[in-house]
Amino acid sequence: MAGGWSRDGAVNEQIEASIQDELARLKARRGPQGESAAFCVDCEEPIPEKRRQALPGVKLCIDCQQERDGSYKARGGINRRGSKDSQLK
């Protein structure tokens, strides 16, 4: 069943695309990987050895990491469906 100007299955394709986008975003946030830095890349303070052992690939000290975690990051959403108004412009 087609709805409006969309073809059959278009809604399911939109849902699948949204799910794939979110999965890709989550995979990108897996965390640090690789060799840990001895000094913080932001403030250049030494990173404690226990932190480097606990989180392989860590690049930030605890204070800088807490500051980044606490900051709000707006995520741009994608309006895949669009409204009739946006199609008229």
N, C-alpha and C. Protein backbone atom coordinates (compact mmCIF):
# COMPACT_ATOMS: atom_id res chain seq x y z
N MET A 1 0.84 -1.17 0.00
CA MET A 1 0.00 0.00 0.00
C MET A 1 0.89 1.24 0.00
N ALA A 2 0.76 2.04 -1.00
CA ALA A 2 1.53 3.27 -1.10
C ALA A 2 0.78 4.39 -0.39
N GLY A 3 1.55 5.30 0.23
CA GLY A 3 0.93 6.42 0.92
C GLY A 3 1.42 7.73 0.33
N GLY A 4 0.52 8.48 -0.24
CA GLY A 4 0.92 9.77 -0.81
C GLY A 4 1.87 9.59 -1.98
N TRP A 5 3.02 10.27 -1.92
CA TRP A 5 3.98 10.22 -3.00
C TRP A 5 5.02 9.11 -2.81
N SER A 6 4.92 8.37 -1.72
CA SER A 6 5.93 7.34 -1.45
C SER A 6 5.54 6.01 -2.08
N ARG A 7 6.54 5.21 -2.34
CA ARG A 7 6.30 3.90 -2.94
C ARG A 7 6.08 2.87 -1.84
N ASP A 8 5.71 1.68 -2.21
CA ASP A 8 5.51 0.60 -1.25
C ASP A 8 6.80 0.32 -0.49
N GLY A 9 6.69 0.17 0.82
CA GLY A 9 7.84 -0.14 1.65
C GLY A 9 8.70 1.04 2.02
N ALA A 10 8.34 2.25 1.63
CA ALA A 10 9.17 3.41 1.91
C ALA A 10 9.27 3.68 3.41
N VAL A 11 8.20 3.47 4.15
CA VAL A 11 8.21 3.72 5.59
C VAL A 11 9.16 2.74 6.27
N ASN A 12 9.11 1.48 5.87
CA ASN A 12 10.02 0.49 6.46
C ASN A 12 11.47 0.82 6.13
N GLU A 13 11.74 1.31 4.94
CA GLU A 13 13.10 1.70 4.57
C GLU A 13 13.57 2.86 5.43
N GLN A 14 12.69 3.79 5.73
CA GLN A 14 13.04 4.92 6.59
C GLN A 14 13.37 4.45 8.00
N ILE A 15 12.58 3.53 8.50
CA ILE A 15 12.82 2.99 9.84
C ILE A 15 14.16 2.26 9.87
N GLU A 16 14.42 1.42 8.89
CA GLU A 16 15.68 0.68 8.82
C GLU A 16 16.87 1.63 8.71
N ALA A 17 16.75 2.68 7.92
CA ALA A 17 17.84 3.65 7.78
C ALA A 17 18.10 4.37 9.09
N SER A 18 17.05 4.70 9.83
CA SER A 18 17.21 5.36 11.13
C SER A 18 17.91 4.43 12.11
N ILE A 19 17.54 3.16 12.10
CA ILE A 19 18.17 2.18 12.99
C ILE A 19 19.64 2.03 12.64
N GLN A 20 19.97 1.93 11.36
CA GLN A 20 21.36 1.78 10.94
C GLN A 20 22.19 3.02 11.32
N ASP A 21 21.61 4.20 11.18
CA ASP A 21 22.31 5.42 11.58
C ASP A 21 22.63 5.41 13.07
N GLU A 22 21.67 5.01 13.88
CA GLU A 22 21.86 4.98 15.33
C GLU A 22 22.89 3.93 15.72
N LEU A 23 22.86 2.76 15.08
CA LEU A 23 23.85 1.73 15.37
C LEU A 23 25.26 2.20 15.01
N ALA A 24 25.39 2.88 13.89
CA ALA A 24 26.70 3.41 13.50
C ALA A 24 27.19 4.44 14.50
N ARG A 25 26.28 5.28 15.01
CA ARG A 25 26.66 6.28 16.01
C ARG A 25 27.12 5.61 17.30
N LEU A 26 26.43 4.55 17.71
CA LEU A 26 26.81 3.85 18.93
C LEU A 26 28.14 3.13 18.78
N LYS A 27 28.39 2.55 17.62
CA LYS A 27 29.67 1.86 17.39
C LYS A 27 30.82 2.85 17.43
N ALA A 28 30.59 4.07 16.98
CA ALA A 28 31.64 5.09 16.99
C ALA A 28 31.97 5.52 18.41
N ARG A 29 31.07 5.31 19.35
CA ARG A 29 31.26 5.72 20.75
C ARG A 29 31.82 4.61 21.62
N ARG A 30 32.34 3.55 21.03
CA ARG A 30 32.80 2.41 21.81
C ARG A 30 33.83 2.78 22.86
N GLY A 31 34.54 3.84 22.67
CA GLY A 31 35.51 4.27 23.66
C GLY A 31 36.92 4.22 23.12
N PRO A 32 37.85 4.54 23.99
CA PRO A 32 39.24 4.59 23.54
C PRO A 32 39.77 3.22 23.16
N GLN A 33 40.65 3.22 22.17
CA GLN A 33 41.30 1.99 21.75
C GLN A 33 42.74 2.32 21.40
N GLY A 34 43.61 1.33 21.45
CA GLY A 34 45.00 1.54 21.11
C GLY A 34 45.84 1.81 22.35
N GLU A 35 46.95 2.50 22.15
CA GLU A 35 47.87 2.77 23.24
C GLU A 35 47.45 4.03 24.01
N SER A 36 47.53 3.94 25.32
CA SER A 36 47.18 5.07 26.17
C SER A 36 48.24 6.16 26.10
N ALA A 37 47.82 7.39 26.29
CA ALA A 37 48.76 8.50 26.34
C ALA A 37 49.26 8.66 27.78
N ALA A 38 50.49 9.06 27.93
CA ALA A 38 51.05 9.29 29.26
C ALA A 38 50.59 10.62 29.83
N PHE A 39 50.29 11.57 28.92
CA PHE A 39 49.85 12.90 29.33
C PHE A 39 48.54 13.23 28.64
N CYS A 40 47.67 13.96 29.33
CA CYS A 40 46.37 14.36 28.81
C CYS A 40 46.55 15.23 27.56
N VAL A 41 45.78 14.95 26.53
CA VAL A 41 45.89 15.73 25.30
C VAL A 41 45.28 17.13 25.44
N ASP A 42 44.45 17.34 26.45
CA ASP A 42 43.85 18.66 26.66
C ASP A 42 44.68 19.55 27.58
N CYS A 43 44.98 19.06 28.77
CA CYS A 43 45.66 19.90 29.76
C CYS A 43 47.13 19.53 29.96
N GLU A 44 47.59 18.47 29.37
CA GLU A 44 48.98 18.00 29.43
C GLU A 44 49.43 17.56 30.82
N GLU A 45 48.46 17.27 31.70
CA GLU A 45 48.78 16.70 33.01
C GLU A 45 49.03 15.20 32.83
N PRO A 46 49.86 14.60 33.71
CA PRO A 46 50.10 13.16 33.59
C PRO A 46 48.83 12.36 33.89
N ILE A 47 48.62 11.30 33.12
CA ILE A 47 47.49 10.40 33.34
C ILE A 47 47.99 9.28 34.25
N PRO A 48 47.30 9.03 35.37
CA PRO A 48 47.76 8.00 36.32
C PRO A 48 47.87 6.62 35.64
N GLU A 49 48.89 5.87 36.06
CA GLU A 49 49.16 4.55 35.49
C GLU A 49 47.95 3.61 35.63
N LYS A 50 47.28 3.65 36.77
CA LYS A 50 46.12 2.78 36.98
C LYS A 50 45.00 3.10 35.99
N ARG A 51 44.82 4.37 35.66
CA ARG A 51 43.80 4.74 34.67
C ARG A 51 44.19 4.22 33.29
N ARG A 52 45.47 4.33 32.95
CA ARG A 52 45.92 3.84 31.64
C ARG A 52 45.78 2.33 31.53
N GLN A 53 45.95 1.63 32.64
CA GLN A 53 45.79 0.17 32.62
C GLN A 53 44.32 -0.22 32.55
N ALA A 54 43.47 0.54 33.24
CA ALA A 54 42.04 0.21 33.28
C ALA A 54 41.34 0.52 31.96
N LEU A 55 41.78 1.58 31.28
CA LEU A 55 41.17 2.00 30.01
C LEU A 55 42.23 2.08 28.92
N PRO A 56 42.54 0.98 28.28
CA PRO A 56 43.55 1.04 27.21
C PRO A 56 43.13 2.03 26.12
N GLY A 57 44.04 2.90 25.75
CA GLY A 57 43.76 3.89 24.71
C GLY A 57 43.26 5.21 25.24
N VAL A 58 43.26 5.38 26.56
CA VAL A 58 42.75 6.62 27.14
C VAL A 58 43.68 7.78 26.77
N LYS A 59 43.09 8.92 26.47
CA LYS A 59 43.87 10.10 26.05
C LYS A 59 43.64 11.30 26.96
N LEU A 60 42.67 11.21 27.87
CA LEU A 60 42.33 12.35 28.73
C LEU A 60 42.48 11.97 30.20
N CYS A 61 42.85 12.97 31.02
CA CYS A 61 42.86 12.75 32.46
C CYS A 61 41.42 12.71 32.97
N ILE A 62 41.26 12.37 34.22
CA ILE A 62 39.92 12.21 34.78
C ILE A 62 39.15 13.53 34.75
N ASP A 63 39.81 14.64 35.12
CA ASP A 63 39.13 15.93 35.15
C ASP A 63 38.64 16.35 33.76
N CYS A 64 39.49 16.22 32.76
CA CYS A 64 39.10 16.61 31.39
C CYS A 64 38.00 15.69 30.86
N GLN A 65 38.08 14.40 31.19
CA GLN A 65 37.05 13.47 30.74
C GLN A 65 35.71 13.80 31.37
N GLN A 66 35.71 14.13 32.66
CA GLN A 66 34.47 14.50 33.33
C GLN A 66 33.89 15.77 32.75
N GLU A 67 34.75 16.70 32.38
CA GLU A 67 34.27 17.94 31.77
C GLU A 67 33.61 17.66 30.42
N ARG A 68 34.23 16.79 29.62
CA ARG A 68 33.64 16.44 28.32
C ARG A 68 32.34 15.65 28.48
N ASP A 69 32.32 14.73 29.43
CA ASP A 69 31.11 13.93 29.64
C ASP A 69 29.94 14.79 30.11
N GLY A 70 30.24 15.83 30.86
CA GLY A 70 29.19 16.69 31.38
C GLY A 70 28.66 17.70 30.38
N SER A 71 29.39 17.93 29.31
CA SER A 71 28.94 18.93 28.34
C SER A 71 27.86 18.35 27.43
N TYR A 72 26.88 19.17 27.12
CA TYR A 72 25.76 18.75 26.28
C TYR A 72 26.16 18.78 24.82
N LYS A 73 25.87 17.70 24.11
CA LYS A 73 26.17 17.64 22.69
C LYS A 73 24.88 17.41 21.93
N ALA A 74 24.44 18.44 21.25
CA ALA A 74 23.21 18.32 20.46
C ALA A 74 23.49 17.44 19.24
N ARG A 75 22.57 16.56 18.97
CA ARG A 75 22.71 15.66 17.83
C ARG A 75 21.71 16.08 16.77
N GLY A 76 22.18 16.33 15.60
CA GLY A 76 21.30 16.74 14.52
C GLY A 76 20.49 15.56 14.00
N GLY A 77 19.19 15.66 14.10
CA GLY A 77 18.34 14.60 13.59
C GLY A 77 18.06 14.80 12.11
N ILE A 78 17.67 13.75 11.49
CA ILE A 78 17.35 13.81 10.06
C ILE A 78 15.86 13.60 9.90
N ASN A 79 15.22 14.53 9.25
CA ASN A 79 13.80 14.40 8.98
C ASN A 79 13.65 13.65 7.66
N ARG A 80 13.61 12.33 7.75
CA ARG A 80 13.54 11.51 6.54
C ARG A 80 12.17 11.59 5.88
N ARG A 81 11.18 11.81 6.67
CA ARG A 81 9.83 11.79 6.13
C ARG A 81 9.49 13.08 5.41
N GLY A 82 9.85 14.18 6.02
CA GLY A 82 9.54 15.48 5.43
C GLY A 82 8.05 15.80 5.57
N SER A 83 7.74 17.05 5.56
CA SER A 83 6.34 17.44 5.62
C SER A 83 5.93 18.01 4.27
N LYS A 84 4.64 18.13 4.08
CA LYS A 84 4.16 18.69 2.82
C LYS A 84 4.67 20.10 2.64
N ASP A 85 4.77 20.85 3.76
CA ASP A 85 5.27 22.22 3.66
C ASP A 85 6.69 22.27 3.13
N SER A 86 7.54 21.31 3.62
CA SER A 86 8.92 21.32 3.16
C SER A 86 9.03 20.93 1.70
N GLN A 87 8.08 20.16 1.19
CA GLN A 87 8.11 19.75 -0.20
C GLN A 87 7.64 20.87 -1.12
N LEU A 88 6.89 21.82 -0.58
CA LEU A 88 6.37 22.92 -1.40
C LEU A 88 7.40 24.02 -1.60
N LYS A 89 8.43 24.07 -0.76
CA LYS A 89 9.42 25.15 -0.84
C LYS A 89 10.32 24.99 -2.03
